[in-house]
Amino acid sequence: MEFVQDRSTKEHFAGDQKIAPRLQAEMMKRGVVTRTRHTAGPHPAPGDMVFFAPPLVVAEAEIDRLVSVARDAVQVVLGALW
């Protein structure tokens, strides 16, 4: 998932806000491991991104938990910004 400050203009969050690392830390607190890429450095899609890599054999309940944890982390990190 890519997180941008403004969906219509695709404006990125300022690098000093460290949105992707903060989301990753919140998900880790809840037992979900992710990979991230923040805005620093050249890349075709330089926004704050969170990557999920569940196993190929994953139960529906596990996907539900993953989505729930991600939603909660977004609320904690971006709740004050939205």
PDB file of N, CA and C in Angstrom:
ATOM      1  N   MET A   1       0.840  -1.152   0.000  1.00  0.00           N
ATOM      2  CA  MET A   1       0.000   0.000   0.000  1.00  0.00           C
ATOM      3  C   MET A   1       0.893   1.226   0.000  1.00  0.00           C
ATOM      4  N   GLU A   2       0.504   2.216  -0.794  1.00  0.00           N
ATOM      5  CA  GLU A   2       1.231   3.480  -0.800  1.00  0.00           C
ATOM      6  C   GLU A   2       0.397   4.529  -0.080  1.00  0.00           C
ATOM      7  N   PHE A   3       1.059   5.296   0.762  1.00  0.00           N
ATOM      8  CA  PHE A   3       0.393   6.355   1.517  1.00  0.00           C
ATOM      9  C   PHE A   3       0.871   7.704   1.016  1.00  0.00           C
ATOM     10  N   VAL A   4      -0.079   8.539   0.625  1.00  0.00           N
ATOM     11  CA  VAL A   4       0.224   9.881   0.158  1.00  0.00           C
ATOM     12  C   VAL A   4      -0.606  10.870   0.970  1.00  0.00           C
ATOM     13  N   GLN A   5      -0.127  12.093   1.023  1.00  0.00           N
ATOM     14  CA  GLN A   5      -0.815  13.121   1.794  1.00  0.00           C
ATOM     15  C   GLN A   5      -2.108  13.548   1.114  1.00  0.00           C
ATOM     16  N   ASP A   6      -2.101  13.604  -0.221  1.00  0.00           N
ATOM     17  CA  ASP A   6      -3.277  14.022  -0.977  1.00  0.00           C
ATOM     18  C   ASP A   6      -3.506  13.034  -2.112  1.00  0.00           C
ATOM     19  N   ARG A   7      -4.605  12.303  -2.055  1.00  0.00           N
ATOM     20  CA  ARG A   7      -4.873  11.264  -3.057  1.00  0.00           C
ATOM     21  C   ARG A   7      -5.051  11.833  -4.464  1.00  0.00           C
ATOM     22  N   SER A   8      -5.651  13.009  -4.577  1.00  0.00           N
ATOM     23  CA  SER A   8      -5.915  13.553  -5.907  1.00  0.00           C
ATOM     24  C   SER A   8      -4.647  14.046  -6.594  1.00  0.00           C
ATOM     25  N   THR A   9      -3.722  14.632  -5.839  1.00  0.00           N
ATOM     26  CA  THR A   9      -2.483  15.139  -6.442  1.00  0.00           C
ATOM     27  C   THR A   9      -1.315  14.173  -6.289  1.00  0.00           C
ATOM     28  N   LYS A  10      -1.490  13.137  -5.483  1.00  0.00           N
ATOM     29  CA  LYS A  10      -0.431  12.158  -5.177  1.00  0.00           C
ATOM     30  C   LYS A  10       0.747  12.808  -4.447  1.00  0.00           C
ATOM     31  N   GLU A  11       0.477  13.916  -3.761  1.00  0.00           N
ATOM     32  CA  GLU A  11       1.517  14.590  -2.985  1.00  0.00           C
ATOM     33  C   GLU A  11       1.953  13.689  -1.833  1.00  0.00           C
ATOM     34  N   HIS A  12       3.259  13.548  -1.683  1.00  0.00           N
ATOM     35  CA  HIS A  12       3.811  12.674  -0.652  1.00  0.00           C
ATOM     36  C   HIS A  12       3.893  13.393   0.686  1.00  0.00           C
ATOM     37  N   PHE A  13       3.932  12.615   1.741  1.00  0.00           N
ATOM     38  CA  PHE A  13       4.180  13.166   3.064  1.00  0.00           C
ATOM     39  C   PHE A  13       5.623  13.655   3.120  1.00  0.00           C
ATOM     40  N   ALA A  14       5.882  14.642   3.938  1.00  0.00           N
ATOM     41  CA  ALA A  14       7.259  15.110   4.139  1.00  0.00           C
ATOM     42  C   ALA A  14       8.089  13.965   4.710  1.00  0.00           C
ATOM     43  N   GLY A  15       9.317  13.847   4.252  1.00  0.00           N
ATOM     44  CA  GLY A  15      10.185  12.764   4.691  1.00  0.00           C
ATOM     45  C   GLY A  15      10.408  12.704   6.185  1.00  0.00           C
ATOM     46  N   ASP A  16      10.401  13.869   6.844  1.00  0.00           N
ATOM     47  CA  ASP A  16      10.647  13.881   8.282  1.00  0.00           C
ATOM     48  C   ASP A  16       9.480  13.326   9.093  1.00  0.00           C
ATOM     49  N   GLN A  17       8.332  13.099   8.455  1.00  0.00           N
ATOM     50  CA  GLN A  17       7.202  12.497   9.172  1.00  0.00           C
ATOM     51  C   GLN A  17       7.358  10.983   9.325  1.00  0.00           C
ATOM     52  N   LYS A  18       8.184  10.372   8.479  1.00  0.00           N
ATOM     53  CA  LYS A  18       8.506   8.944   8.563  1.00  0.00           C
ATOM     54  C   LYS A  18       7.244   8.082   8.722  1.00  0.00           C
ATOM     55  N   ILE A  19       6.312   8.262   7.815  1.00  0.00           N
ATOM     56  CA  ILE A  19       5.034   7.567   7.887  1.00  0.00           C
ATOM     57  C   ILE A  19       5.211   6.050   7.780  1.00  0.00           C
ATOM     58  N   ALA A  20       5.943   5.581   6.764  1.00  0.00           N
ATOM     59  CA  ALA A  20       6.104   4.130   6.583  1.00  0.00           C
ATOM     60  C   ALA A  20       6.777   3.463   7.786  1.00  0.00           C
ATOM     61  N   PRO A  21       7.888   3.989   8.306  1.00  0.00           N
ATOM     62  CA  PRO A  21       8.496   3.354   9.476  1.00  0.00           C
ATOM     63  C   PRO A  21       7.586   3.368  10.704  1.00  0.00           C
ATOM     64  N   ARG A  22       6.815   4.431  10.867  1.00  0.00           N
ATOM     65  CA  ARG A  22       5.896   4.495  12.003  1.00  0.00           C
ATOM     66  C   ARG A  22       4.778   3.472  11.856  1.00  0.00           C
ATOM     67  N   LEU A  23       4.260   3.296  10.634  1.00  0.00           N
ATOM     68  CA  LEU A  23       3.243   2.270  10.401  1.00  0.00           C
ATOM     69  C   LEU A  23       3.818   0.884  10.671  1.00  0.00           C
ATOM     70  N   GLN A  24       5.028   0.658  10.200  1.00  0.00           N
ATOM     71  CA  GLN A  24       5.683  -0.626  10.413  1.00  0.00           C
ATOM     72  C   GLN A  24       5.834  -0.914  11.907  1.00  0.00           C
ATOM     73  N   ALA A  25       6.235   0.072  12.680  1.00  0.00           N
ATOM     74  CA  ALA A  25       6.413  -0.104  14.122  1.00  0.00           C
ATOM     75  C   ALA A  25       5.086  -0.417  14.806  1.00  0.00           C
ATOM     76  N   GLU A  26       4.020   0.262  14.401  1.00  0.00           N
ATOM     77  CA  GLU A  26       2.703  -0.004  14.996  1.00  0.00           C
ATOM     78  C   GLU A  26       2.220  -1.412  14.661  1.00  0.00           C
ATOM     79  N   MET A  27       2.454  -1.856  13.437  1.00  0.00           N
ATOM     80  CA  MET A  27       2.040  -3.212  13.066  1.00  0.00           C
ATOM     81  C   MET A  27       2.880  -4.258  13.786  1.00  0.00           C
ATOM     82  N   MET A  28       4.164  -3.966  13.965  1.00  0.00           N
ATOM     83  CA  MET A  28       5.035  -4.898  14.677  1.00  0.00           C
ATOM     84  C   MET A  28       4.577  -5.057  16.124  1.00  0.00           C
ATOM     85  N   LYS A  29       4.129  -3.972  16.743  1.00  0.00           N
ATOM     86  CA  LYS A  29       3.605  -4.049  18.117  1.00  0.00           C
ATOM     87  C   LYS A  29       2.435  -5.023  18.196  1.00  0.00           C
ATOM     88  N   ARG A  30       1.724  -5.159  17.098  1.00  0.00           N
ATOM     89  CA  ARG A  30       0.541  -6.015  17.048  1.00  0.00           C
ATOM     90  C   ARG A  30       0.849  -7.391  16.439  1.00  0.00           C
ATOM     91  N   GLY A  31       2.136  -7.672  16.213  1.00  0.00           N
ATOM     92  CA  GLY A  31       2.543  -8.990  15.757  1.00  0.00           C
ATOM     93  C   GLY A  31       2.530  -9.204  14.259  1.00  0.00           C
ATOM     94  N   VAL A  32       2.471  -8.127  13.463  1.00  0.00           N
ATOM     95  CA  VAL A  32       2.479  -8.261  12.003  1.00  0.00           C
ATOM     96  C   VAL A  32       3.786  -7.673  11.478  1.00  0.00           C
ATOM     97  N   VAL A  33       4.527  -8.483  10.737  1.00  0.00           N
ATOM     98  CA  VAL A  33       5.809  -8.073  10.181  1.00  0.00           C
ATOM     99  C   VAL A  33       5.589  -7.614   8.737  1.00  0.00           C
ATOM    100  N   THR A  34       6.110  -6.433   8.400  1.00  0.00           N
ATOM    101  CA  THR A  34       5.983  -5.890   7.050  1.00  0.00           C
ATOM    102  C   THR A  34       7.331  -5.367   6.592  1.00  0.00           C
ATOM    103  N   ARG A  35       7.387  -5.047   5.312  1.00  0.00           N
ATOM    104  CA  ARG A  35       8.533  -4.320   4.766  1.00  0.00           C
ATOM    105  C   ARG A  35       8.014  -2.933   4.402  1.00  0.00           C
ATOM    106  N   THR A  36       8.900  -1.965   4.418  1.00  0.00           N
ATOM    107  CA  THR A  36       8.483  -0.603   4.071  1.00  0.00           C
ATOM    108  C   THR A  36       9.489   0.043   3.146  1.00  0.00           C
ATOM    109  N   ARG A  37       9.039   1.114   2.541  1.00  0.00           N
ATOM    110  CA  ARG A  37       9.920   1.997   1.778  1.00  0.00           C
ATOM    111  C   ARG A  37       9.390   3.394   1.994  1.00  0.00           C
ATOM    112  N   HIS A  38      10.233   4.263   2.518  1.00  0.00           N
ATOM    113  CA  HIS A  38       9.789   5.634   2.758  1.00  0.00           C
ATOM    114  C   HIS A  38      10.220   6.535   1.610  1.00  0.00           C
ATOM    115  N   THR A  39       9.961   7.801   1.708  1.00  0.00           N
ATOM    116  CA  THR A  39      10.123   8.737   0.598  1.00  0.00           C
ATOM    117  C   THR A  39      11.565   9.026   0.193  1.00  0.00           C
ATOM    118  N   ALA A  40      12.532   8.697   1.000  1.00  0.00           N
ATOM    119  CA  ALA A  40      13.918   9.046   0.686  1.00  0.00           C
ATOM    120  C   ALA A  40      14.449   8.260  -0.508  1.00  0.00           C
ATOM    121  N   GLY A  41      15.200   8.932  -1.373  1.00  0.00           N
ATOM    122  CA  GLY A  41      15.891   8.279  -2.473  1.00  0.00           C
ATOM    123  C   GLY A  41      15.074   8.179  -3.746  1.00  0.00           C
ATOM    124  N   PRO A  42      15.760   7.997  -4.879  1.00  0.00           N
ATOM    125  CA  PRO A  42      15.070   7.908  -6.162  1.00  0.00           C
ATOM    126  C   PRO A  42      14.367   6.563  -6.320  1.00  0.00           C
ATOM    127  N   HIS A  43      13.212   6.612  -6.917  1.00  0.00           N
ATOM    128  CA  HIS A  43      12.435   5.406  -7.163  1.00  0.00           C
ATOM    129  C   HIS A  43      11.240   5.812  -8.020  1.00  0.00           C
ATOM    130  N   PRO A  44      10.751   4.934  -8.862  1.00  0.00           N
ATOM    131  CA  PRO A  44       9.595   5.313  -9.695  1.00  0.00           C
ATOM    132  C   PRO A  44       8.356   5.699  -8.886  1.00  0.00           C
ATOM    133  N   ALA A  45       8.162   5.122  -7.725  1.00  0.00           N
ATOM    134  CA  ALA A  45       7.016   5.450  -6.872  1.00  0.00           C
ATOM    135  C   ALA A  45       7.551   5.790  -5.495  1.00  0.00           C
ATOM    136  N   PRO A  46       7.950   7.050  -5.274  1.00  0.00           N
ATOM    137  CA  PRO A  46       8.677   7.394  -4.063  1.00  0.00           C
ATOM    138  C   PRO A  46       7.849   7.616  -2.801  1.00  0.00           C
ATOM    139  N   GLY A  47       6.586   7.313  -2.786  1.00  0.00           N
ATOM    140  CA  GLY A  47       5.787   7.533  -1.587  1.00  0.00           C
ATOM    141  C   GLY A  47       6.096   6.560  -0.472  1.00  0.00           C
ATOM    142  N   ASP A  48       5.477   6.793   0.674  1.00  0.00           N
ATOM    143  CA  ASP A  48       5.619   5.870   1.800  1.00  0.00           C
ATOM    144  C   ASP A  48       4.837   4.609   1.479  1.00  0.00           C
ATOM    145  N   MET A  49       5.517   3.477   1.441  1.00  0.00           N
ATOM    146  CA  MET A  49       4.872   2.228   1.066  1.00  0.00           C
ATOM    147  C   MET A  49       5.067   1.165   2.137  1.00  0.00           C
ATOM    148  N   VAL A  50       4.030   0.350   2.319  1.00  0.00           N
ATOM    149  CA  VAL A  50       4.066  -0.789   3.223  1.00  0.00           C
ATOM    150  C   VAL A  50       3.774  -2.019   2.380  1.00  0.00           C
ATOM    151  N   PHE A  51       4.621  -3.023   2.490  1.00  0.00           N
ATOM    152  CA  PHE A  51       4.493  -4.250   1.707  1.00  0.00           C
ATOM    153  C   PHE A  51       4.106  -5.416   2.611  1.00  0.00           C
ATOM    154  N   PHE A  52       3.151  -6.193   2.168  1.00  0.00           N
ATOM    155  CA  PHE A  52       2.721  -7.388   2.880  1.00  0.00           C
ATOM    156  C   PHE A  52       3.145  -8.605   2.063  1.00  0.00           C
ATOM    157  N   ALA A  53       3.563  -9.657   2.734  1.00  0.00           N
ATOM    158  CA  ALA A  53       3.962 -10.886   2.050  1.00  0.00           C
ATOM    159  C   ALA A  53       3.476 -12.093   2.848  1.00  0.00           C
ATOM    160  N   PRO A  54       2.167 -12.303   2.862  1.00  0.00           N
ATOM    161  CA  PRO A  54       1.662 -13.473   3.588  1.00  0.00           C
ATOM    162  C   PRO A  54       2.063 -14.753   2.860  1.00  0.00           C
ATOM    163  N   PRO A  55       2.093 -15.864   3.563  1.00  0.00           N
ATOM    164  CA  PRO A  55       2.436 -17.124   2.907  1.00  0.00           C
ATOM    165  C   PRO A  55       1.371 -17.489   1.866  1.00  0.00           C
ATOM    166  N   LEU A  56       1.746 -18.322   0.915  1.00  0.00           N
ATOM    167  CA  LEU A  56       0.782 -18.744  -0.107  1.00  0.00           C
ATOM    168  C   LEU A  56      -0.368 -19.550   0.495  1.00  0.00           C
ATOM    169  N   VAL A  57      -0.080 -20.225   1.594  1.00  0.00           N
ATOM    170  CA  VAL A  57      -1.116 -20.992   2.286  1.00  0.00           C
ATOM    171  C   VAL A  57      -1.533 -20.159   3.493  1.00  0.00           C
ATOM    172  N   VAL A  58      -2.554 -19.343   3.297  1.00  0.00           N
ATOM    173  CA  VAL A  58      -2.987 -18.434   4.350  1.00  0.00           C
ATOM    174  C   VAL A  58      -4.495 -18.576   4.517  1.00  0.00           C
ATOM    175  N   ALA A  59      -4.923 -18.573   5.742  1.00  0.00           N
ATOM    176  CA  ALA A  59      -6.352 -18.724   6.030  1.00  0.00           C
ATOM    177  C   ALA A  59      -7.056 -17.372   5.946  1.00  0.00           C
ATOM    178  N   GLU A  60      -8.330 -17.416   5.669  1.00  0.00           N
ATOM    179  CA  GLU A  60      -9.122 -16.187   5.578  1.00  0.00           C
ATOM    180  C   GLU A  60      -9.062 -15.395   6.882  1.00  0.00           C
ATOM    181  N   ALA A  61      -9.084 -16.070   7.999  1.00  0.00           N
ATOM    182  CA  ALA A  61      -9.008 -15.398   9.306  1.00  0.00           C
ATOM    183  C   ALA A  61      -7.684 -14.655   9.464  1.00  0.00           C
ATOM    184  N   GLU A  62      -6.611 -15.202   8.914  1.00  0.00           N
ATOM    185  CA  GLU A  62      -5.309 -14.544   9.006  1.00  0.00           C
ATOM    186  C   GLU A  62      -5.282 -13.274   8.151  1.00  0.00           C
ATOM    187  N   ILE A  63      -5.905 -13.329   6.996  1.00  0.00           N
ATOM    188  CA  ILE A  63      -6.007 -12.135   6.149  1.00  0.00           C
ATOM    189  C   ILE A  63      -6.862 -11.079   6.844  1.00  0.00           C
ATOM    190  N   ASP A  64      -7.950 -11.498   7.455  1.00  0.00           N
ATOM    191  CA  ASP A  64      -8.798 -10.563   8.204  1.00  0.00           C
ATOM    192  C   ASP A  64      -8.000  -9.881   9.307  1.00  0.00           C
ATOM    193  N   ARG A  65      -7.172 -10.643   9.998  1.00  0.00           N
ATOM    194  CA  ARG A  65      -6.348 -10.079  11.070  1.00  0.00           C
ATOM    195  C   ARG A  65      -5.329  -9.092  10.503  1.00  0.00           C
ATOM    196  N   LEU A  66      -4.714  -9.440   9.393  1.00  0.00           N
ATOM    197  CA  LEU A  66      -3.749  -8.566   8.747  1.00  0.00           C
ATOM    198  C   LEU A  66      -4.392  -7.225   8.389  1.00  0.00           C
ATOM    199  N   VAL A  67      -5.570  -7.269   7.813  1.00  0.00           N
ATOM    200  CA  VAL A  67      -6.287  -6.046   7.438  1.00  0.00           C
ATOM    201  C   VAL A  67      -6.664  -5.248   8.676  1.00  0.00           C
ATOM    202  N   SER A  68      -7.120  -5.924   9.709  1.00  0.00           N
ATOM    203  CA  SER A  68      -7.503  -5.256  10.948  1.00  0.00           C
ATOM    204  C   SER A  68      -6.311  -4.561  11.607  1.00  0.00           C
ATOM    205  N   VAL A  69      -5.194  -5.236  11.661  1.00  0.00           N
ATOM    206  CA  VAL A  69      -3.989  -4.657  12.253  1.00  0.00           C
ATOM    207  C   VAL A  69      -3.527  -3.457  11.431  1.00  0.00           C
ATOM    208  N   ALA A  70      -3.557  -3.581  10.108  1.00  0.00           N
ATOM    209  CA  ALA A  70      -3.149  -2.473   9.251  1.00  0.00           C
ATOM    210  C   ALA A  70      -4.064  -1.265   9.470  1.00  0.00           C
ATOM    211  N   ARG A  71      -5.364  -1.511   9.543  1.00  0.00           N
ATOM    212  CA  ARG A  71      -6.323  -0.423   9.782  1.00  0.00           C
ATOM    213  C   ARG A  71      -6.036   0.266  11.113  1.00  0.00           C
ATOM    214  N   ASP A  72      -5.806  -0.513  12.164  1.00  0.00           N
ATOM    215  CA  ASP A  72      -5.525   0.054  13.483  1.00  0.00           C
ATOM    216  C   ASP A  72      -4.238   0.882  13.470  1.00  0.00           C
ATOM    217  N   ALA A  73      -3.212   0.388  12.785  1.00  0.00           N
ATOM    218  CA  ALA A  73      -1.944   1.105  12.707  1.00  0.00           C
ATOM    219  C   ALA A  73      -2.120   2.430  11.964  1.00  0.00           C
ATOM    220  N   VAL A  74      -2.892   2.410  10.891  1.00  0.00           N
ATOM    221  CA  VAL A  74      -3.147   3.641  10.137  1.00  0.00           C
ATOM    222  C   VAL A  74      -3.888   4.640  11.015  1.00  0.00           C
ATOM    223  N   GLN A  75      -4.848   4.174  11.789  1.00  0.00           N
ATOM    224  CA  GLN A  75      -5.577   5.072  12.696  1.00  0.00           C
ATOM    225  C   GLN A  75      -4.634   5.714  13.707  1.00  0.00           C
ATOM    226  N   VAL A  76      -3.701   4.940  14.254  1.00  0.00           N
ATOM    227  CA  VAL A  76      -2.771   5.465  15.248  1.00  0.00           C
ATOM    228  C   VAL A  76      -1.818   6.482  14.608  1.00  0.00           C
ATOM    229  N   VAL A  77      -1.247   6.123  13.478  1.00  0.00           N
ATOM    230  CA  VAL A  77      -0.226   6.973  12.852  1.00  0.00           C
ATOM    231  C   VAL A  77      -0.825   8.174  12.124  1.00  0.00           C
ATOM    232  N   LEU A  78      -1.870   7.945  11.373  1.00  0.00           N
ATOM    233  CA  LEU A  78      -2.432   9.019  10.549  1.00  0.00           C
ATOM    234  C   LEU A  78      -3.709   9.627  11.103  1.00  0.00           C
ATOM    235  N   GLY A  79      -4.235   9.079  12.169  1.00  0.00           N
ATOM    236  CA  GLY A  79      -5.493   9.570  12.727  1.00  0.00           C
ATOM    237  C   GLY A  79      -5.481  11.062  12.994  1.00  0.00           C
ATOM    238  N   ALA A  80      -4.398  11.559  13.530  1.00  0.00           N
ATOM    239  CA  ALA A  80      -4.307  12.982  13.835  1.00  0.00           C
ATOM    240  C   ALA A  80      -4.157  13.828  12.570  1.00  0.00           C
ATOM    241  N   LEU A  81      -3.657  13.224  11.494  1.00  0.00           N
ATOM    242  CA  LEU A  81      -3.443  13.971  10.251  1.00  0.00           C
ATOM    243  C   LEU A  81      -4.711  14.041   9.395  1.00  0.00           C
ATOM    244  N   TRP A  82      -5.635  13.088   9.588  1.00  0.00           N
ATOM    245  CA  TRP A  82      -6.841  13.048   8.755  1.00  0.00           C
ATOM    246  C   TRP A  82      -7.926  13.717   9.446  1.00  0.00           C
TER     247      TRP A  82
END
